[in-house]
Amino acid sequence: MRLANISGRLHLVTPDDHVIDVSMETGGHFSPRIQDCYERWPELRSVAFTLEQWSGTPLADVLPSSFGNPAPQPRQVFAIGLNYAAHAAEASLAVPDDLTVFTKFVTSLAGPHGTIVLPPGTVDWEAELVVVIGRGGYRIPAEEAWKHVAGVSVGQDLSERTLQSSGPAPQYSLAKSSPGFGPIGPLLVTPDEFDDPDSLELGCSINGQEVQKGNTSDMVFPVPEIIARLSQVTPLLPGDVIFTGTPPGVGVGRVPQRFLNPGDELVTYVRGIGEMRHTFQ
């Protein structure tokens, strides 16, 4: 199943690439707000097969600017640092023995297309797979974890490195939470749509030049382990968002270092989900 937040309304994307307004086609049985669907995830899954047989608007006719974040108002946002060994190496840090966790504030979340205003400092890119929780839980076993996932999407963990390294301790959350620093989209795709949801290609380019390319199979802690370890400490809630870490190729790890500038176009993708496009000013 594939879902999209189009013009602020929950849509189902059919196998033949048409979009269906779920609330409209179910007579208002489901809320038009996509965030509400996670509270009724099993019920939505149960009617999705029927809805997928209906005809709708061709996906190709939907303007890119119409797509919004498929998880725009989560109660909790988690982000995992140093989750690829090669990224830890480029940061001159050891591969962690346990999750390195911080948060991005909800106000940083944004849609998959648009313009992002650069704050003062040095802004870096981090292409990531984003996981959205469908069925919440506490102390979820790793072998059950994918059953708790509503779907996965494309994400960017944009980071202002000057602020991040200021002070007596790293300011991870604050430095990664300027407006627009957490874009997600364009689609939310359920794990069963992939041959192997633990092996997905992801990356990004700046002005047409590839700067990151990796595969989620290289994660230090794969998605099921992330969910198991997070939920050992705090219950995960329907609609929660997890940024799962970035592969190597970020700007701060380059020689010379490179950061985003006004006029740059950043294209971020996860194979099998889609791509995001953002310009900076």
Protein backbone atom coordinates (compact mmCIF):
# COMPACT_ATOMS: atom_id res chain seq x y z
CA MET A 1 0.00 0.00 0.00
CA ARG A 2 1.14 3.52 -0.80
CA LEU A 3 -0.26 6.66 0.82
CA ALA A 4 0.19 10.34 0.08
CA ASN A 5 -0.72 13.64 1.71
CA ILE A 6 -2.05 15.58 -1.29
CA SER A 7 -3.34 19.12 -0.76
CA GLY A 8 -3.68 18.32 2.93
CA ARG A 9 -5.83 15.22 2.38
CA LEU A 10 -5.16 11.50 2.80
CA HIS A 11 -4.89 9.72 -0.56
CA LEU A 12 -4.29 6.10 -1.49
CA VAL A 13 -2.03 5.46 -4.49
CA THR A 14 -3.31 2.49 -6.48
CA PRO A 15 -1.11 -0.16 -8.12
CA ASP A 16 -1.77 1.46 -11.51
CA ASP A 17 -0.60 4.85 -10.22
CA HIS A 18 -3.87 6.63 -9.63
CA VAL A 19 -4.74 8.52 -6.44
CA ILE A 20 -7.96 8.15 -4.45
CA ASP A 21 -9.20 10.53 -1.77
CA VAL A 22 -9.84 8.07 1.09
CA SER A 23 -12.22 10.24 3.12
CA MET A 24 -14.29 11.16 0.10
CA GLU A 25 -14.55 7.61 -1.26
CA THR A 26 -15.50 6.18 2.14
CA GLY A 27 -18.20 8.76 2.79
CA GLY A 28 -16.18 10.44 5.52
CA HIS A 29 -15.56 7.18 7.42
CA PHE A 30 -11.87 8.13 7.55
CA SER A 31 -10.58 11.58 8.39
CA PRO A 32 -9.10 13.57 5.50
CA ARG A 33 -6.09 14.28 7.76
CA ILE A 34 -3.35 11.76 7.05
CA GLN A 35 -2.00 11.89 10.61
CA ASP A 36 -5.34 10.57 11.90
CA CYS A 37 -5.04 7.39 9.83
CA TYR A 38 -2.26 6.00 12.02
CA GLU A 39 -4.65 5.75 14.98
CA ARG A 40 -6.86 3.49 12.82
CA TRP A 41 -4.09 1.74 10.93
CA PRO A 42 -5.43 -1.86 11.01
CA GLU A 43 -8.85 -0.66 9.83
CA LEU A 44 -7.36 1.36 6.99
CA ARG A 45 -5.30 -1.63 5.87
CA SER A 46 -8.44 -3.76 5.85
CA VAL A 47 -10.26 -1.49 3.35
CA ALA A 48 -7.24 -0.55 1.25
CA PHE A 49 -7.47 -3.56 -1.06
CA THR A 50 -11.01 -2.63 -2.09
CA LEU A 51 -10.10 1.02 -2.58
CA GLU A 52 -7.09 0.06 -4.71
CA GLN A 53 -9.45 -1.46 -7.30
CA TRP A 54 -11.18 1.86 -7.92
CA SER A 55 -10.17 4.43 -10.50
CA GLY A 56 -8.98 7.88 -9.55
CA THR A 57 -6.83 10.77 -10.70
CA PRO A 58 -3.60 9.78 -12.48
CA LEU A 59 -0.64 10.24 -10.14
CA ALA A 60 1.26 11.89 -12.99
CA ASP A 61 -1.34 14.68 -13.06
CA VAL A 62 -0.75 15.67 -9.43
CA LEU A 63 1.50 18.72 -9.12
CA PRO A 64 4.65 18.04 -7.09
CA SER A 65 3.86 21.08 -4.94
CA SER A 66 0.60 19.38 -3.88
CA PHE A 67 2.42 16.65 -1.94
CA GLY A 68 2.87 17.19 1.78
CA ASN A 69 4.64 15.36 4.56
CA PRO A 70 2.92 11.95 5.05
CA ALA A 71 3.44 12.19 8.84
CA PRO A 72 3.12 15.92 9.53
CA GLN A 73 2.14 15.96 13.23
CA PRO A 74 3.75 13.06 15.11
CA ARG A 75 3.75 13.08 18.90
CA GLN A 76 7.35 11.84 18.96
CA VAL A 77 10.22 12.28 16.50
CA PHE A 78 13.32 10.15 16.97
CA ALA A 79 16.57 10.38 15.02
CA ILE A 80 19.44 7.90 15.05
CA GLY A 81 23.03 9.10 14.74
CA LEU A 82 26.11 7.26 13.44
CA ASN A 83 24.02 4.35 12.14
CA TYR A 84 26.31 3.58 9.19
CA ALA A 85 29.89 2.59 9.97
CA ALA A 86 31.29 4.57 7.04
CA HIS A 87 29.48 7.70 8.22
CA ALA A 88 30.92 7.26 11.72
CA ALA A 89 34.37 6.95 10.13
CA GLU A 90 34.02 10.16 8.12
CA ALA A 91 33.02 11.90 11.36
CA SER A 92 36.14 10.43 13.07
CA LEU A 93 33.91 8.73 15.63
CA ALA A 94 33.67 5.13 16.78
CA VAL A 95 30.84 2.90 15.63
CA PRO A 96 28.41 2.98 18.58
CA ASP A 97 27.63 -0.09 20.69
CA ASP A 98 24.08 1.15 21.25
CA LEU A 99 21.69 3.59 19.62
CA THR A 100 22.76 7.22 19.45
CA VAL A 101 19.41 8.99 19.76
CA PHE A 102 18.31 12.61 19.54
CA THR A 103 15.10 14.32 18.43
CA LYS A 104 14.10 16.77 15.77
CA PHE A 105 11.43 19.21 16.92
CA VAL A 106 8.08 18.75 15.16
CA THR A 107 8.21 22.31 13.80
CA SER A 108 11.21 21.30 11.64
CA LEU A 109 9.13 18.82 9.62
CA ALA A 110 8.22 19.77 6.06
CA GLY A 111 6.98 18.37 2.78
CA PRO A 112 8.95 16.82 -0.07
CA HIS A 113 9.10 19.89 -2.33
CA GLY A 114 9.73 23.56 -1.75
CA THR A 115 12.19 26.21 -0.64
CA ILE A 116 14.11 26.11 2.63
CA VAL A 117 15.61 29.24 4.16
CA LEU A 118 19.19 28.74 5.30
CA PRO A 119 19.89 30.00 8.83
CA PRO A 120 23.29 31.51 9.68
CA GLY A 121 26.05 28.93 9.96
CA THR A 122 26.98 25.83 7.96
CA VAL A 123 24.05 23.70 6.78
CA ASP A 124 24.71 20.08 5.85
CA TRP A 125 22.63 17.34 4.21
CA GLU A 126 21.83 13.83 5.47
CA ALA A 127 19.69 11.54 3.29
CA GLU A 128 17.76 9.08 5.44
CA LEU A 129 15.08 6.42 5.41
CA VAL A 130 12.18 7.55 7.59
CA VAL A 131 9.99 5.04 9.43
CA VAL A 132 6.44 5.87 10.56
CA ILE A 133 4.87 3.75 13.30
CA GLY A 134 1.43 2.30 12.63
CA ARG A 135 0.82 0.06 15.62
CA GLY A 136 2.34 1.41 18.80
CA GLY A 137 3.90 -0.67 21.50
CA TYR A 138 6.25 -0.97 24.46
CA ARG A 139 9.21 -3.38 24.54
CA ILE A 140 8.57 -4.60 21.01
CA PRO A 141 10.68 -7.66 20.07
CA ALA A 142 12.91 -7.08 17.03
CA GLU A 143 11.35 -10.04 15.22
CA GLU A 144 7.92 -8.35 15.53
CA ALA A 145 9.07 -4.82 14.75
CA TRP A 146 8.14 -4.58 11.06
CA LYS A 147 4.54 -5.46 12.01
CA HIS A 148 4.43 -2.18 13.96
CA VAL A 149 5.56 -0.07 10.98
CA ALA A 150 2.93 1.76 8.95
CA GLY A 151 5.42 2.53 6.22
CA VAL A 152 8.67 4.10 5.18
CA SER A 153 9.43 7.32 3.36
CA VAL A 154 12.27 9.55 2.15
CA GLY A 155 13.76 12.00 4.63
CA GLN A 156 16.48 14.60 5.08
CA ASP A 157 18.05 15.32 8.46
CA LEU A 158 19.36 18.79 7.60
CA SER A 159 21.91 19.97 10.14
CA GLU A 160 23.50 23.29 11.04
CA ARG A 161 26.98 22.14 12.00
CA THR A 162 28.23 25.35 13.63
CA LEU A 163 25.45 25.31 16.21
CA GLN A 164 25.73 21.52 16.53
CA SER A 165 29.32 21.77 17.74
CA SER A 166 28.87 24.81 19.99
CA GLY A 167 28.78 24.67 23.76
CA PRO A 168 30.18 22.11 26.20
CA ALA A 169 28.08 19.28 24.66
CA PRO A 170 26.81 18.74 21.10
CA GLN A 171 23.56 20.56 20.29
CA TYR A 172 22.17 17.86 18.01
CA SER A 173 18.45 18.47 18.43
CA LEU A 174 18.62 22.25 18.28
CA ALA A 175 20.98 22.28 15.29
CA LYS A 176 18.71 19.93 13.33
CA SER A 177 15.40 21.68 13.97
CA SER A 178 15.27 24.92 12.00
CA PRO A 179 12.11 25.32 9.90
CA GLY A 180 12.25 22.93 6.95
CA PHE A 181 15.10 20.83 8.39
CA GLY A 182 13.03 17.63 8.45
CA PRO A 183 11.38 17.16 5.04
CA ILE A 184 9.62 13.83 4.45
CA GLY A 185 7.84 12.37 1.41
CA PRO A 186 6.49 12.16 -1.19
CA LEU A 187 4.88 8.77 -0.40
CA LEU A 188 4.53 6.46 2.57
CA VAL A 189 5.09 2.85 1.40
CA THR A 190 4.21 -0.21 3.48
CA PRO A 191 7.03 -2.72 4.09
CA ASP A 192 5.27 -5.50 2.15
CA GLU A 193 5.75 -3.51 -1.07
CA PHE A 194 9.49 -4.34 -1.04
CA ASP A 195 11.29 -7.60 -1.75
CA ASP A 196 13.46 -6.81 1.27
CA PRO A 197 12.56 -3.75 3.38
CA ASP A 198 15.96 -4.02 5.10
CA SER A 199 17.81 -3.39 1.82
CA LEU A 200 16.82 -0.11 0.18
CA GLU A 201 19.06 2.19 -1.86
CA LEU A 202 19.08 5.84 -0.80
CA GLY A 203 21.07 8.97 -1.55
CA CYS A 204 21.03 12.57 -2.67
CA SER A 205 22.56 15.01 -5.15
CA ILE A 206 23.27 18.74 -5.15
CA ASN A 207 22.82 20.62 -8.42
CA GLY A 208 22.96 17.28 -10.26
CA GLN A 209 26.14 16.03 -8.55
CA GLU A 210 25.73 12.85 -6.49
CA VAL A 211 26.96 13.38 -2.94
CA GLN A 212 25.45 10.39 -1.13
CA LYS A 213 24.56 6.85 -2.19
CA GLY A 214 24.10 3.98 0.23
CA ASN A 215 21.92 1.06 1.19
CA THR A 216 19.98 0.48 4.39
CA SER A 217 21.47 -3.03 4.55
CA ASP A 218 24.61 -1.27 5.83
CA MET A 219 22.90 0.10 8.94
CA VAL A 220 24.67 -0.68 12.21
CA PHE A 221 21.22 -1.07 13.79
CA PRO A 222 18.61 -2.07 11.19
CA VAL A 223 15.02 -0.87 11.47
CA PRO A 224 13.78 -3.81 13.62
CA GLU A 225 16.63 -3.31 16.09
CA ILE A 226 16.00 0.45 16.24
CA ILE A 227 12.34 -0.14 17.09
CA ALA A 228 13.17 -2.83 19.65
CA ARG A 229 15.76 -0.70 21.43
CA LEU A 230 13.73 2.53 21.41
CA SER A 231 10.64 0.74 22.70
CA GLN A 232 12.63 -0.80 25.56
CA VAL A 233 12.83 2.73 26.98
CA THR A 234 9.67 4.51 25.82
CA PRO A 235 6.41 3.37 24.26
CA LEU A 236 6.14 4.09 20.54
CA LEU A 237 2.88 5.70 19.46
CA PRO A 238 0.91 5.49 16.20
CA GLY A 239 2.23 8.11 13.80
CA ASP A 240 5.63 8.48 15.49
CA VAL A 241 8.50 9.28 13.12
CA ILE A 242 12.00 7.76 13.18
CA PHE A 243 14.87 9.16 11.10
CA THR A 244 17.08 6.07 10.85
CA GLY A 245 20.52 7.55 10.11
CA THR A 246 22.54 8.62 7.10
CA PRO A 247 25.15 6.88 4.94
CA PRO A 248 28.54 8.51 4.23
CA GLY A 249 28.96 11.53 1.98
CA VAL A 250 27.86 14.44 4.16
CA GLY A 251 29.46 17.83 3.69
CA VAL A 252 31.25 18.07 7.03
CA GLY A 253 33.14 14.86 6.28
CA ARG A 254 34.53 16.07 2.94
CA VAL A 255 37.96 17.53 2.23
CA PRO A 256 37.48 20.40 1.77
CA GLN A 257 34.21 20.59 3.65
CA ARG A 258 31.15 21.56 1.65
CA PHE A 259 27.86 23.05 2.81
CA LEU A 260 24.60 24.15 1.25
CA ASN A 261 24.37 27.61 -0.31
CA PRO A 262 21.53 29.81 -1.56
CA GLY A 263 20.39 28.62 -4.98
CA ASP A 264 21.40 24.98 -4.45
CA GLU A 265 18.92 22.26 -5.40
CA LEU A 266 18.97 19.15 -3.19
CA VAL A 267 17.37 15.99 -4.60
CA THR A 268 16.92 13.12 -2.12
CA TYR A 269 15.62 9.65 -2.95
CA VAL A 270 14.94 6.18 -1.65
CA ARG A 271 14.57 3.62 -4.41
CA GLY A 272 11.01 2.31 -4.55
CA ILE A 273 9.53 5.30 -2.70
CA GLY A 274 10.34 8.42 -4.72
CA GLU A 275 12.35 11.60 -4.49
CA MET A 276 12.21 14.99 -2.82
CA ARG A 277 13.40 18.28 -4.35
CA HIS A 278 14.32 21.36 -2.34
CA THR A 279 15.97 24.64 -3.17
CA PHE A 280 17.68 26.90 -0.64
CA GLN A 281 17.67 30.61 -0.12
